[in-house]
Protein backbone atom coordinates (compact mmCIF):
# COMPACT_ATOMS: atom_id res chain seq x y z
CA MET A 1 46.03 20.76 -37.85
CA ILE A 2 46.42 17.31 -37.50
CA LEU A 3 48.77 15.52 -35.39
CA ALA A 4 48.74 12.11 -36.27
CA GLY A 5 49.83 10.16 -33.60
CA THR A 6 52.26 11.25 -30.75
CA TYR A 7 56.01 10.38 -30.81
CA ALA A 8 56.52 7.97 -28.09
CA LEU A 9 60.28 7.25 -26.76
CA PRO A 10 61.47 3.68 -25.71
CA GLU A 11 61.09 3.48 -21.86
CA SER A 12 64.64 3.54 -21.38
CA GLN A 13 64.98 7.10 -22.78
CA TYR A 14 61.93 8.18 -20.07
CA ILE A 15 63.96 6.68 -17.34
CA GLY A 16 67.26 8.32 -18.27
CA LEU A 17 65.22 11.74 -18.63
CA ALA A 18 64.15 11.12 -15.11
CA HIS A 19 67.41 10.47 -13.95
CA ALA A 20 69.13 13.15 -15.73
CA SER A 21 66.76 16.21 -14.64
CA THR A 22 66.49 15.12 -11.00
CA GLY A 23 70.18 13.95 -10.32
CA ILE A 24 69.01 10.84 -9.19
CA PRO A 25 71.66 8.42 -9.47
CA VAL A 26 71.12 5.77 -11.81
CA GLY A 27 71.48 2.97 -9.37
CA ASP A 28 68.61 4.80 -7.26
CA ASN A 29 65.06 4.21 -7.88
CA LEU A 30 63.24 6.54 -8.77
CA PRO A 31 59.37 8.00 -7.20
CA ASP A 32 56.35 6.45 -8.55
CA ASP A 33 55.45 8.90 -10.80
CA LEU A 34 58.06 10.40 -11.86
CA VAL A 35 58.61 8.68 -15.41
CA ASN A 36 55.24 9.27 -15.93
CA GLU A 37 55.71 12.78 -15.57
CA ILE A 38 58.52 12.91 -17.47
CA ARG A 39 56.69 11.10 -20.41
CA LEU A 40 53.89 13.49 -20.60
CA GLY A 41 56.46 16.36 -20.32
CA GLU A 42 57.89 15.01 -23.48
CA HIS A 43 54.22 14.56 -25.03
CA GLY A 44 53.62 18.03 -24.17
CA HIS A 45 56.86 19.14 -25.76
CA ASN A 46 56.09 17.70 -28.70
CA ILE A 47 52.67 18.49 -29.09
CA LEU A 48 53.40 22.68 -28.30
CA GLN A 49 56.39 22.35 -30.78
CA GLY A 50 53.85 20.55 -33.60
CA LEU A 51 51.05 23.08 -32.77
CA CYS A 52 52.95 26.07 -32.90
CA ARG A 53 53.81 25.52 -36.56
CA ALA A 54 49.87 26.15 -37.23
CA SER A 55 47.68 29.50 -36.77
CA VAL A 56 48.38 28.90 -33.02
CA ARG A 57 51.51 30.77 -33.28
CA GLY A 58 50.17 33.89 -34.57
CA SER A 59 47.75 36.50 -33.07
CA LEU A 60 44.74 38.90 -33.45
CA GLY A 61 45.60 41.69 -30.93
CA SER A 62 45.45 40.05 -27.25
CA ARG A 63 44.26 36.96 -28.53
CA CYS A 64 46.29 33.68 -30.43
CA ARG A 65 44.50 33.09 -33.98
CA PRO A 66 42.02 30.43 -33.92
CA CYS A 67 42.97 26.71 -34.75
CA ASN A 68 41.33 23.56 -34.73
CA ALA A 69 44.00 20.82 -33.65
CA TYR A 70 43.04 17.07 -34.22
CA ILE A 71 45.17 14.79 -32.05
CA ILE A 72 45.69 11.25 -32.07
CA ALA A 73 46.88 10.20 -28.84
CA ALA A 74 46.51 6.77 -26.78
CA LYS A 75 43.51 7.20 -24.29
CA GLY A 76 46.00 6.18 -21.56
CA SER A 77 48.67 8.66 -22.36
CA GLY A 78 47.02 11.26 -19.78
CA ILE A 79 47.38 13.80 -23.17
CA ARG A 80 43.78 14.80 -23.00
CA LYS A 81 43.50 15.93 -19.62
CA ALA A 82 46.70 17.81 -20.12
CA LEU A 83 45.60 19.44 -22.74
CA PRO A 84 43.75 22.42 -20.85
CA THR A 85 47.20 23.18 -18.74
CA TRP A 86 49.40 23.22 -21.94
CA PHE A 87 47.01 25.31 -24.13
CA PRO A 88 44.87 27.53 -21.39
CA GLY A 89 41.24 28.41 -23.01
CA CYS A 90 41.38 25.46 -25.15
CA LYS A 91 38.20 23.59 -25.86
CA VAL A 92 38.68 19.74 -25.60
CA LYS A 93 36.31 17.84 -27.69
CA THR A 94 35.77 13.94 -28.77
CA TRP A 95 35.92 13.69 -32.50
CA ARG A 96 33.30 10.87 -33.93
CA PRO A 97 32.80 10.11 -37.96
CA HIS A 98 29.20 10.13 -37.29
CA HIS A 99 26.86 12.31 -34.94
CA LYS A 100 24.53 9.97 -33.35
CA SER A 101 21.20 11.38 -32.19
CA LEU A 102 20.55 11.66 -28.21
CA GLN A 103 17.64 9.27 -26.82
CA GLY A 104 15.99 8.49 -23.64
CA LYS A 105 17.49 10.26 -20.51
CA VAL A 106 20.59 11.01 -21.77
CA LYS A 107 18.68 13.25 -24.30
CA ASP A 108 16.41 14.78 -21.54
CA ALA A 109 19.67 15.74 -19.26
CA VAL A 110 21.79 17.88 -22.52
CA GLU A 111 18.74 19.36 -23.29
CA TYR A 112 18.00 20.97 -19.73
CA LEU A 113 21.89 21.48 -19.51
CA LYS A 114 21.21 23.64 -22.56
CA ARG A 115 18.52 25.50 -21.01
CA CYS A 116 20.40 26.06 -18.18
CA LEU A 117 23.34 27.61 -20.07
CA VAL A 118 21.11 29.71 -22.25
CA ALA A 119 19.99 31.26 -19.13
CA ASP A 120 23.06 31.77 -17.29
CA PRO A 121 26.39 30.63 -19.30
CA THR A 122 28.10 30.91 -15.96
CA ILE A 123 25.68 28.59 -14.27
CA ALA A 124 26.70 25.41 -12.05
CA ILE A 125 24.53 22.76 -12.34
CA THR A 126 24.23 20.15 -9.15
CA PHE A 127 24.34 16.63 -9.89
CA SER A 128 21.23 16.56 -7.63
CA LYS A 129 18.99 19.38 -9.79
CA LEU A 130 19.71 16.96 -13.08
CA MET A 131 18.50 14.01 -11.02
CA ALA A 132 15.56 15.45 -9.63
CA VAL A 133 14.43 16.92 -13.17
CA LEU A 134 15.33 13.55 -14.86
CA ARG A 135 13.86 11.84 -11.68
CA ILE A 136 16.28 9.82 -11.16
CA SER A 137 16.32 9.30 -7.40
CA ASN A 138 19.06 6.49 -7.47
CA LYS A 139 22.84 8.11 -7.47
CA SER A 140 24.25 4.72 -8.67
CA ASN A 141 21.64 4.82 -11.49
CA PHE A 142 22.43 8.37 -12.28
CA ASN A 143 25.91 7.74 -12.57
CA LYS A 144 25.70 4.80 -14.58
CA MET A 145 22.68 6.11 -17.02
CA ILE A 146 24.06 9.61 -17.20
CA ARG A 147 27.26 10.64 -15.69
CA LYS A 148 29.34 7.31 -17.64
CA HIS A 149 27.09 7.24 -20.67
CA GLU A 150 29.78 7.53 -23.76
CA ASP A 151 27.03 10.58 -25.44
CA PHE A 152 26.65 12.46 -22.53
CA LYS A 153 29.91 12.70 -21.63
CA GLU A 154 30.53 13.93 -25.22
CA ALA A 155 27.84 16.27 -25.01
CA ILE A 156 28.76 18.10 -21.67
CA GLU A 157 32.51 18.14 -23.51
CA ALA A 158 30.73 19.90 -26.73
CA LEU A 159 28.58 22.05 -24.25
CA GLY A 160 32.02 23.25 -22.56
CA LEU A 161 31.15 21.65 -19.12
CA GLU A 162 33.33 20.16 -16.48
CA GLU A 163 32.42 18.00 -13.43
CA VAL A 164 33.70 19.94 -10.33
CA PRO A 165 32.82 19.75 -6.42
CA ILE A 166 30.66 23.11 -5.33
CA GLY A 167 29.90 24.11 -1.78
CA THR A 168 31.37 22.27 0.83
CA SER A 169 31.94 19.11 -1.36
CA ARG A 170 35.26 17.25 -1.83
CA TYR A 171 33.71 15.12 -4.45
CA LEU A 172 32.20 15.80 -7.98
CA ASN A 173 28.68 17.38 -7.45
CA ALA A 174 27.94 19.61 -10.50
CA PHE A 175 28.56 20.71 -14.05
CA ARG A 176 29.87 23.93 -14.59
CA PRO A 177 31.35 25.74 -17.64
CA VAL A 178 35.30 25.56 -18.50
CA TRP A 179 35.96 28.63 -19.85
CA ASP A 180 34.69 31.80 -18.67
CA PRO A 181 32.37 33.67 -20.88
CA ASP A 182 33.32 35.26 -24.03
CA PRO A 183 31.27 38.19 -24.92
CA ASP A 184 31.63 37.47 -28.90
CA GLY A 185 31.47 33.57 -28.53
CA ASP A 186 28.68 31.21 -29.07
CA TYR A 187 28.36 28.73 -26.21
CA ILE A 188 25.99 26.28 -27.12
CA ALA A 189 27.11 23.55 -29.27
CA ASP A 190 24.81 21.36 -31.69
CA VAL A 191 24.88 18.17 -29.96
């Protein structure tokens, strides 16, 4: 299913919905992020309505039927980040028209992550371990050369990994699978 764009209301309607849903009088100021939450909620409502007209609506036993949804939305809309909340267990991937071969340290990093996932599909791989494997000692260089590289971000997304804090860290410090293993699933994407 393709959702070629997301419907956006005029800003005044989001503000009106925020006032109406909270009971805050129109003359009073709204909390800082409330209008953004309302906007994102409206996007979620419209996307859910659109996709539920496709195979998402049906079921195969205790699971929903498979559905590939292609959603064209503005990067700053917050939709991409909210999709796993709206559709628990979904896999969010970036679509690109041409597949580009990975090169250099990015290729080495992705190949290492693939090997780790083949050995243990539930493994958490720390940034420090990946840095050691790649022989990158400076965390700033690792972030710039690997973590922030568009091809790497696309590859970890295809592998079903997310950045998470593990151990006692309050900061992101590892890659971990987004979903629990499905015994009938295929985990390693061809990136």
